[in-house]
Amino acid sequence: MNILHSKAYAKINLGLDVTGVLDKGYHLVKMI
């Protein structure tokens, strides 16, 4: 196989909460 077609799907967040921040600046999340 030398060629391939793909579909890259979008997402939504049915729920998005931020629960904290890490030292490196990343945020802790809890999401659906």
PDB file of all heavy atoms in Angstrom:
ATOM      1  N   MET A   1       0.845  -1.189   0.000  1.00  0.00           N
ATOM      2  CA  MET A   1       0.000   0.000   0.000  1.00  0.00           C
ATOM      3  C   MET A   1       0.886   1.247   0.000  1.00  0.00           C
ATOM      4  O   MET A   1       1.709   1.435   0.901  1.00  0.00           O
ATOM      5  CB  MET A   1      -0.905  -0.008   1.243  1.00  0.00           C
ATOM      6  CG  MET A   1      -1.839   1.194   1.315  1.00  0.00           C
ATOM      7  SD  MET A   1      -2.792   1.254   2.860  1.00  0.00           S
ATOM      8  CE  MET A   1      -3.856  -0.166   2.662  1.00  0.00           C
ATOM      9  N   ASN A   2       0.709   2.104  -1.014  1.00  0.00           N
ATOM     10  CA  ASN A   2       1.506   3.323  -1.122  1.00  0.00           C
ATOM     11  C   ASN A   2       0.697   4.596  -0.918  1.00  0.00           C
ATOM     12  O   ASN A   2       1.266   5.675  -0.749  1.00  0.00           O
ATOM     13  CB  ASN A   2       2.200   3.397  -2.482  1.00  0.00           C
ATOM     14  CG  ASN A   2       3.296   2.351  -2.610  1.00  0.00           C
ATOM     15  OD1 ASN A   2       4.032   2.099  -1.670  1.00  0.00           O
ATOM     16  ND2 ASN A   2       3.370   1.720  -3.778  1.00  0.00           N
ATOM     17  N   ILE A   3      -0.638   4.487  -0.999  1.00  0.00           N
ATOM     18  CA  ILE A   3      -1.490   5.654  -0.806  1.00  0.00           C
ATOM     19  C   ILE A   3      -2.585   5.316   0.198  1.00  0.00           C
ATOM     20  O   ILE A   3      -2.940   4.151   0.386  1.00  0.00           O
ATOM     21  CB  ILE A   3      -2.108   6.148  -2.133  1.00  0.00           C
ATOM     22  CG1 ILE A   3      -2.981   5.050  -2.762  1.00  0.00           C
ATOM     23  CG2 ILE A   3      -1.033   6.616  -3.098  1.00  0.00           C
ATOM     24  CD1 ILE A   3      -3.768   5.537  -3.973  1.00  0.00           C
ATOM     25  N   LEU A   4      -3.104   6.354   0.836  1.00  0.00           N
ATOM     26  CA  LEU A   4      -4.135   6.152   1.864  1.00  0.00           C
ATOM     27  C   LEU A   4      -4.965   7.422   1.966  1.00  0.00           C
ATOM     28  O   LEU A   4      -4.424   8.536   1.886  1.00  0.00           O
ATOM     29  CB  LEU A   4      -3.487   5.836   3.210  1.00  0.00           C
ATOM     30  CG  LEU A   4      -4.421   5.537   4.389  1.00  0.00           C
ATOM     31  CD1 LEU A   4      -5.115   4.191   4.182  1.00  0.00           C
ATOM     32  CD2 LEU A   4      -3.628   5.514   5.698  1.00  0.00           C
ATOM     33  N   HIS A   5      -6.266   7.254   2.136  1.00  0.00           N
ATOM     34  CA  HIS A   5      -7.163   8.386   2.387  1.00  0.00           C
ATOM     35  C   HIS A   5      -7.709   8.281   3.805  1.00  0.00           C
ATOM     36  O   HIS A   5      -8.030   7.188   4.269  1.00  0.00           O
ATOM     37  CB  HIS A   5      -8.330   8.397   1.399  1.00  0.00           C
ATOM     38  CG  HIS A   5      -9.337   9.471   1.691  1.00  0.00           C
ATOM     39  ND1 HIS A   5      -9.132  10.790   1.365  1.00  0.00           N
ATOM     40  CD2 HIS A   5     -10.542   9.421   2.318  1.00  0.00           C
ATOM     41  CE1 HIS A   5     -10.170  11.510   1.762  1.00  0.00           C
ATOM     42  NE2 HIS A   5     -11.040  10.701   2.336  1.00  0.00           N
ATOM     43  N   SER A   6      -7.802   9.415   4.488  1.00  0.00           N
ATOM     44  CA  SER A   6      -8.272   9.403   5.875  1.00  0.00           C
ATOM     45  C   SER A   6      -9.207  10.576   6.133  1.00  0.00           C
ATOM     46  O   SER A   6      -9.128  11.611   5.453  1.00  0.00           O
ATOM     47  CB  SER A   6      -7.073   9.480   6.826  1.00  0.00           C
ATOM     48  OG  SER A   6      -7.493   9.444   8.170  1.00  0.00           O
ATOM     49  N   LYS A   7     -10.086  10.399   7.096  1.00  0.00           N
ATOM     50  CA  LYS A   7     -10.949  11.477   7.572  1.00  0.00           C
ATOM     51  C   LYS A   7     -10.534  11.824   9.003  1.00  0.00           C
ATOM     52  O   LYS A   7     -10.421  10.938   9.844  1.00  0.00           O
ATOM     53  CB  LYS A   7     -12.421  11.063   7.543  1.00  0.00           C
ATOM     54  CG  LYS A   7     -12.980  10.843   6.148  1.00  0.00           C
ATOM     55  CD  LYS A   7     -14.435  10.407   6.216  1.00  0.00           C
ATOM     56  CE  LYS A   7     -15.004  10.216   4.803  1.00  0.00           C
ATOM     57  NZ  LYS A   7     -16.435   9.774   4.843  1.00  0.00           N
ATOM     58  N   ALA A   8     -10.328  13.110   9.249  1.00  0.00           N
ATOM     59  CA  ALA A   8      -9.939  13.580  10.578  1.00  0.00           C
ATOM     60  C   ALA A   8     -11.117  14.355  11.161  1.00  0.00           C
ATOM     61  O   ALA A   8     -11.462  15.440  10.683  1.00  0.00           O
ATOM     62  CB  ALA A   8      -8.701  14.467  10.490  1.00  0.00           C
ATOM     63  N   TYR A   9     -11.755  13.790  12.191  1.00  0.00           N
ATOM     64  CA  TYR A   9     -13.015  14.322  12.707  1.00  0.00           C
ATOM     65  C   TYR A   9     -12.815  15.385  13.787  1.00  0.00           C
ATOM     66  O   TYR A   9     -11.872  15.328  14.584  1.00  0.00           O
ATOM     67  CB  TYR A   9     -13.856  13.183  13.290  1.00  0.00           C
ATOM     68  CG  TYR A   9     -14.420  12.273  12.236  1.00  0.00           C
ATOM     69  CD1 TYR A   9     -13.736  11.118  11.835  1.00  0.00           C
ATOM     70  CD2 TYR A   9     -15.636  12.557  11.614  1.00  0.00           C
ATOM     71  CE1 TYR A   9     -14.245  10.279  10.857  1.00  0.00           C
ATOM     72  CE2 TYR A   9     -16.154  11.717  10.636  1.00  0.00           C
ATOM     73  CZ  TYR A   9     -15.461  10.586  10.260  1.00  0.00           C
ATOM     74  OH  TYR A   9     -15.964   9.758   9.289  1.00  0.00           O
ATOM     75  N   ALA A  10     -13.755  16.333  13.829  1.00  0.00           N
ATOM     76  CA  ALA A  10     -13.767  17.371  14.857  1.00  0.00           C
ATOM     77  C   ALA A  10     -14.321  16.809  16.165  1.00  0.00           C
ATOM     78  O   ALA A  10     -14.972  15.765  16.197  1.00  0.00           O
ATOM     79  CB  ALA A  10     -14.620  18.551  14.402  1.00  0.00           C
ATOM     80  N   LYS A  11     -14.056  17.553  17.250  1.00  0.00           N
ATOM     81  CA  LYS A  11     -14.609  17.181  18.552  1.00  0.00           C
ATOM     82  C   LYS A  11     -15.268  18.396  19.189  1.00  0.00           C
ATOM     83  O   LYS A  11     -14.984  19.554  18.843  1.00  0.00           O
ATOM     84  CB  LYS A  11     -13.524  16.632  19.481  1.00  0.00           C
ATOM     85  CG  LYS A  11     -12.430  17.643  19.888  1.00  0.00           C
ATOM     86  CD  LYS A  11     -12.828  18.568  21.039  1.00  0.00           C
ATOM     87  CE  LYS A  11     -11.788  19.656  21.280  1.00  0.00           C
ATOM     88  NZ  LYS A  11     -12.232  20.709  22.207  1.00  0.00           N
ATOM     89  N   ILE A  12     -16.170  18.119  20.125  1.00  0.00           N
ATOM     90  CA  ILE A  12     -16.719  19.153  20.996  1.00  0.00           C
ATOM     91  C   ILE A  12     -16.529  18.707  22.443  1.00  0.00           C
ATOM     92  O   ILE A  12     -16.261  17.535  22.712  1.00  0.00           O
ATOM     93  CB  ILE A  12     -18.211  19.439  20.725  1.00  0.00           C
ATOM     94  CG1 ILE A  12     -19.042  18.142  20.862  1.00  0.00           C
ATOM     95  CG2 ILE A  12     -18.400  20.080  19.357  1.00  0.00           C
ATOM     96  CD1 ILE A  12     -20.542  18.368  20.782  1.00  0.00           C
ATOM     97  N   ASN A  13     -16.653  19.664  23.354  1.00  0.00           N
ATOM     98  CA  ASN A  13     -16.599  19.369  24.787  1.00  0.00           C
ATOM     99  C   ASN A  13     -18.002  19.494  25.356  1.00  0.00           C
ATOM    100  O   ASN A  13     -18.525  20.609  25.481  1.00  0.00           O
ATOM    101  CB  ASN A  13     -15.678  20.343  25.513  1.00  0.00           C
ATOM    102  CG  ASN A  13     -14.269  20.342  24.953  1.00  0.00           C
ATOM    103  OD1 ASN A  13     -13.965  21.124  24.060  1.00  0.00           O
ATOM    104  ND2 ASN A  13     -13.431  19.485  25.470  1.00  0.00           N
ATOM    105  N   LEU A  14     -18.618  18.380  25.696  1.00  0.00           N
ATOM    106  CA  LEU A  14     -19.944  18.429  26.330  1.00  0.00           C
ATOM    107  C   LEU A  14     -19.839  19.010  27.735  1.00  0.00           C
ATOM    108  O   LEU A  14     -20.792  19.594  28.244  1.00  0.00           O
ATOM    109  CB  LEU A  14     -20.560  17.028  26.374  1.00  0.00           C
ATOM    110  CG  LEU A  14     -20.860  16.414  25.009  1.00  0.00           C
ATOM    111  CD1 LEU A  14     -21.269  14.956  25.169  1.00  0.00           C
ATOM    112  CD2 LEU A  14     -21.949  17.201  24.287  1.00  0.00           C
ATOM    113  N   GLY A  15     -18.706  18.841  28.341  1.00  0.00           N
ATOM    114  CA  GLY A  15     -18.421  19.452  29.635  1.00  0.00           C
ATOM    115  C   GLY A  15     -16.939  19.711  29.736  1.00  0.00           C
ATOM    116  O   GLY A  15     -16.134  18.879  29.304  1.00  0.00           O
ATOM    117  N   LEU A  16     -16.558  20.888  30.253  1.00  0.00           N
ATOM    118  CA  LEU A  16     -15.145  21.206  30.390  1.00  0.00           C
ATOM    119  C   LEU A  16     -14.929  21.922  31.715  1.00  0.00           C
ATOM    120  O   LEU A  16     -15.449  23.010  31.941  1.00  0.00           O
ATOM    121  CB  LEU A  16     -14.669  22.094  29.225  1.00  0.00           C
ATOM    122  CG  LEU A  16     -13.152  22.268  29.028  1.00  0.00           C
ATOM    123  CD1 LEU A  16     -12.854  22.817  27.633  1.00  0.00           C
ATOM    124  CD2 LEU A  16     -12.509  23.168  30.080  1.00  0.00           C
ATOM    125  N   ASP A  17     -14.180  21.269  32.590  1.00  0.00           N
ATOM    126  CA  ASP A  17     -13.831  21.873  33.875  1.00  0.00           C
ATOM    127  C   ASP A  17     -12.312  21.923  34.005  1.00  0.00           C
ATOM    128  O   ASP A  17     -11.599  21.055  33.481  1.00  0.00           O
ATOM    129  CB  ASP A  17     -14.422  21.053  35.031  1.00  0.00           C
ATOM    130  CG  ASP A  17     -14.382  21.806  36.355  1.00  0.00           C
ATOM    131  OD1 ASP A  17     -14.160  23.035  36.340  1.00  0.00           O
ATOM    132  OD2 ASP A  17     -14.576  21.163  37.401  1.00  0.00           O
ATOM    133  N   VAL A  18     -11.821  22.948  34.659  1.00  0.00           N
ATOM    134  CA  VAL A  18     -10.407  23.071  34.979  1.00  0.00           C
ATOM    135  C   VAL A  18     -10.284  22.949  36.490  1.00  0.00           C
ATOM    136  O   VAL A  18     -10.926  23.695  37.233  1.00  0.00           O
ATOM    137  CB  VAL A  18      -9.830  24.417  34.493  1.00  0.00           C
ATOM    138  CG1 VAL A  18      -8.364  24.551  34.895  1.00  0.00           C
ATOM    139  CG2 VAL A  18      -9.963  24.534  32.974  1.00  0.00           C
ATOM    140  N   THR A  19      -9.467  21.998  36.930  1.00  0.00           N
ATOM    141  CA  THR A  19      -9.407  21.690  38.352  1.00  0.00           C
ATOM    142  C   THR A  19      -8.134  22.154  39.040  1.00  0.00           C
ATOM    143  O   THR A  19      -8.042  22.095  40.265  1.00  0.00           O
ATOM    144  CB  THR A  19      -9.564  20.167  38.567  1.00  0.00           C
ATOM    145  OG1 THR A  19      -8.503  19.487  37.868  1.00  0.00           O
ATOM    146  CG2 THR A  19     -10.902  19.682  38.028  1.00  0.00           C
ATOM    147  N   GLY A  20      -7.152  22.610  38.280  1.00  0.00           N
ATOM    148  CA  GLY A  20      -5.914  23.064  38.899  1.00  0.00           C
ATOM    149  C   GLY A  20      -4.869  23.405  37.858  1.00  0.00           C
ATOM    150  O   GLY A  20      -5.098  23.267  36.648  1.00  0.00           O
ATOM    151  N   VAL A  21      -3.728  23.877  38.345  1.00  0.00           N
ATOM    152  CA  VAL A  21      -2.629  24.268  37.462  1.00  0.00           C
ATOM    153  C   VAL A  21      -1.351  23.583  37.932  1.00  0.00           C
ATOM    154  O   VAL A  21      -1.038  23.582  39.133  1.00  0.00           O
ATOM    155  CB  VAL A  21      -2.417  25.800  37.453  1.00  0.00           C
ATOM    156  CG1 VAL A  21      -1.332  26.180  36.453  1.00  0.00           C
ATOM    157  CG2 VAL A  21      -3.718  26.522  37.137  1.00  0.00           C
ATOM    158  N   LEU A  22      -0.605  22.987  37.003  1.00  0.00           N
ATOM    159  CA  LEU A  22       0.668  22.353  37.313  1.00  0.00           C
ATOM    160  C   LEU A  22       1.795  23.386  37.291  1.00  0.00           C
ATOM    161  O   LEU A  22       1.643  24.481  36.742  1.00  0.00           O
ATOM    162  CB  LEU A  22       0.957  21.233  36.315  1.00  0.00           C
ATOM    163  CG  LEU A  22      -0.036  20.063  36.289  1.00  0.00           C
ATOM    164  CD1 LEU A  22       0.316  19.108  35.171  1.00  0.00           C
ATOM    165  CD2 LEU A  22      -0.062  19.337  37.627  1.00  0.00           C
ATOM    166  N   ASP A  23       2.931  23.017  37.863  1.00  0.00           N
ATOM    167  CA  ASP A  23       4.075  23.930  37.940  1.00  0.00           C
ATOM    168  C   ASP A  23       4.528  24.413  36.570  1.00  0.00           C
ATOM    169  O   ASP A  23       4.951  25.556  36.406  1.00  0.00           O
ATOM    170  CB  ASP A  23       5.259  23.250  38.649  1.00  0.00           C
ATOM    171  CG  ASP A  23       4.981  23.014  40.127  1.00  0.00           C
ATOM    172  OD1 ASP A  23       4.099  23.711  40.660  1.00  0.00           O
ATOM    173  OD2 ASP A  23       5.635  22.149  40.731  1.00  0.00           O
ATOM    174  N   LYS A  24       4.441  23.552  35.557  1.00  0.00           N
ATOM    175  CA  LYS A  24       4.917  23.909  34.224  1.00  0.00           C
ATOM    176  C   LYS A  24       3.923  24.767  33.444  1.00  0.00           C
ATOM    177  O   LYS A  24       4.163  25.113  32.296  1.00  0.00           O
ATOM    178  CB  LYS A  24       5.230  22.636  33.427  1.00  0.00           C
ATOM    179  CG  LYS A  24       6.393  21.814  33.992  1.00  0.00           C
ATOM    180  CD  LYS A  24       6.665  20.601  33.137  1.00  0.00           C
ATOM    181  CE  LYS A  24       7.836  19.779  33.674  1.00  0.00           C
ATOM    182  NZ  LYS A  24       8.101  18.579  32.844  1.00  0.00           N
ATOM    183  N   GLY A  25       2.815  25.117  34.084  1.00  0.00           N
ATOM    184  CA  GLY A  25       1.825  25.954  33.422  1.00  0.00           C
ATOM    185  C   GLY A  25       0.690  25.187  32.784  1.00  0.00           C
ATOM    186  O   GLY A  25      -0.292  25.778  32.339  1.00  0.00           O
ATOM    187  N   TYR A  26       0.805  23.853  32.705  1.00  0.00           N
ATOM    188  CA  TYR A  26      -0.292  23.053  32.194  1.00  0.00           C
ATOM    189  C   TYR A  26      -1.471  23.107  33.163  1.00  0.00           C
ATOM    190  O   TYR A  26      -1.291  23.160  34.380  1.00  0.00           O
ATOM    191  CB  TYR A  26       0.134  21.592  32.009  1.00  0.00           C
ATOM    192  CG  TYR A  26       1.042  21.346  30.833  1.00  0.00           C
ATOM    193  CD1 TYR A  26       2.401  21.132  31.004  1.00  0.00           C
ATOM    194  CD2 TYR A  26       0.530  21.313  29.540  1.00  0.00           C
ATOM    195  CE1 TYR A  26       3.241  20.893  29.923  1.00  0.00           C
ATOM    196  CE2 TYR A  26       1.351  21.069  28.452  1.00  0.00           C
ATOM    197  CZ  TYR A  26       2.702  20.862  28.651  1.00  0.00           C
ATOM    198  OH  TYR A  26       3.520  20.638  27.576  1.00  0.00           O
ATOM    199  N   HIS A  27      -2.669  23.065  32.601  1.00  0.00           N
ATOM    200  CA  HIS A  27      -3.871  23.056  33.431  1.00  0.00           C
ATOM    201  C   HIS A  27      -4.425  21.637  33.537  1.00  0.00           C
ATOM    202  O   HIS A  27      -4.466  20.898  32.545  1.00  0.00           O
ATOM    203  CB  HIS A  27      -4.937  23.980  32.839  1.00  0.00           C
ATOM    204  CG  HIS A  27      -4.621  25.435  33.018  1.00  0.00           C
ATOM    205  ND1 HIS A  27      -3.643  26.080  32.302  1.00  0.00           N
ATOM    206  CD2 HIS A  27      -5.152  26.349  33.872  1.00  0.00           C
ATOM    207  CE1 HIS A  27      -3.600  27.345  32.682  1.00  0.00           C
ATOM    208  NE2 HIS A  27      -4.491  27.535  33.623  1.00  0.00           N
ATOM    209  N   LEU A  28      -4.847  21.286  34.733  1.00  0.00           N
ATOM    210  CA  LEU A  28      -5.518  20.002  34.948  1.00  0.00           C
ATOM    211  C   LEU A  28      -6.980  20.164  34.568  1.00  0.00           C
ATOM    212  O   LEU A  28      -7.636  21.129  34.988  1.00  0.00           O
ATOM    213  CB  LEU A  28      -5.392  19.573  36.406  1.00  0.00           C
ATOM    214  CG  LEU A  28      -3.975  19.246  36.883  1.00  0.00           C
ATOM    215  CD1 LEU A  28      -3.956  19.041  38.394  1.00  0.00           C
ATOM    216  CD2 LEU A  28      -3.449  17.996  36.182  1.00  0.00           C
ATOM    217  N   VAL A  29      -7.486  19.238  33.777  1.00  0.00           N
ATOM    218  CA  VAL A  29      -8.844  19.360  33.267  1.00  0.00           C
ATOM    219  C   VAL A  29      -9.649  18.098  33.570  1.00  0.00           C
ATOM    220  O   VAL A  29      -9.097  17.029  33.854  1.00  0.00           O
ATOM    221  CB  VAL A  29      -8.851  19.620  31.742  1.00  0.00           C
ATOM    222  CG1 VAL A  29      -8.206  20.951  31.415  1.00  0.00           C
ATOM    223  CG2 VAL A  29      -8.157  18.484  30.990  1.00  0.00           C
ATOM    224  N   LYS A  30     -10.942  18.256  33.488  1.00  0.00           N
ATOM    225  CA  LYS A  30     -11.874  17.135  33.559  1.00  0.00           C
ATOM    226  C   LYS A  30     -12.956  17.444  32.538  1.00  0.00           C
ATOM    227  O   LYS A  30     -13.703  18.416  32.692  1.00  0.00           O
ATOM    228  CB  LYS A  30     -12.452  16.980  34.966  1.00  0.00           C
ATOM    229  CG  LYS A  30     -13.220  15.684  35.182  1.00  0.00           C
ATOM    230  CD  LYS A  30     -13.573  15.491  36.653  1.00  0.00           C
ATOM    231  CE  LYS A  30     -14.252  14.149  36.881  1.00  0.00           C
ATOM    232  NZ  LYS A  30     -14.597  13.946  38.311  1.00  0.00           N
ATOM    233  N   MET A  31     -13.015  16.638  31.474  1.00  0.00           N
ATOM    234  CA  MET A  31     -13.854  16.974  30.321  1.00  0.00           C
ATOM    235  C   MET A  31     -14.592  15.742  29.803  1.00  0.00           C
ATOM    236  O   MET A  31     -14.108  14.626  29.935  1.00  0.00           O
ATOM    237  CB  MET A  31     -13.000  17.527  29.173  1.00  0.00           C
ATOM    238  CG  MET A  31     -12.052  18.647  29.546  1.00  0.00           C
ATOM    239  SD  MET A  31     -11.115  19.284  28.120  1.00  0.00           S
ATOM    240  CE  MET A  31     -10.002  17.899  27.786  1.00  0.00           C
ATOM    241  N   ILE A  32     -15.745  15.992  29.210  1.00  0.00           N
ATOM    242  CA  ILE A  32     -16.421  14.971  28.413  1.00  0.00           C
ATOM    243  C   ILE A  32     -16.256  15.365  26.951  1.00  0.00           C
ATOM    244  O   ILE A  32     -16.703  16.433  26.519  1.00  0.00           O
ATOM    245  CB  ILE A  32     -17.920  14.855  28.755  1.00  0.00           C
ATOM    246  CG1 ILE A  32     -18.129  14.554  30.238  1.00  0.00           C
ATOM    247  CG2 ILE A  32     -18.570  13.782  27.872  1.00  0.00           C
ATOM    248  CD1 ILE A  32     -17.690  13.177  30.671  1.00  0.00           C
TER     249      ILE A  32
END
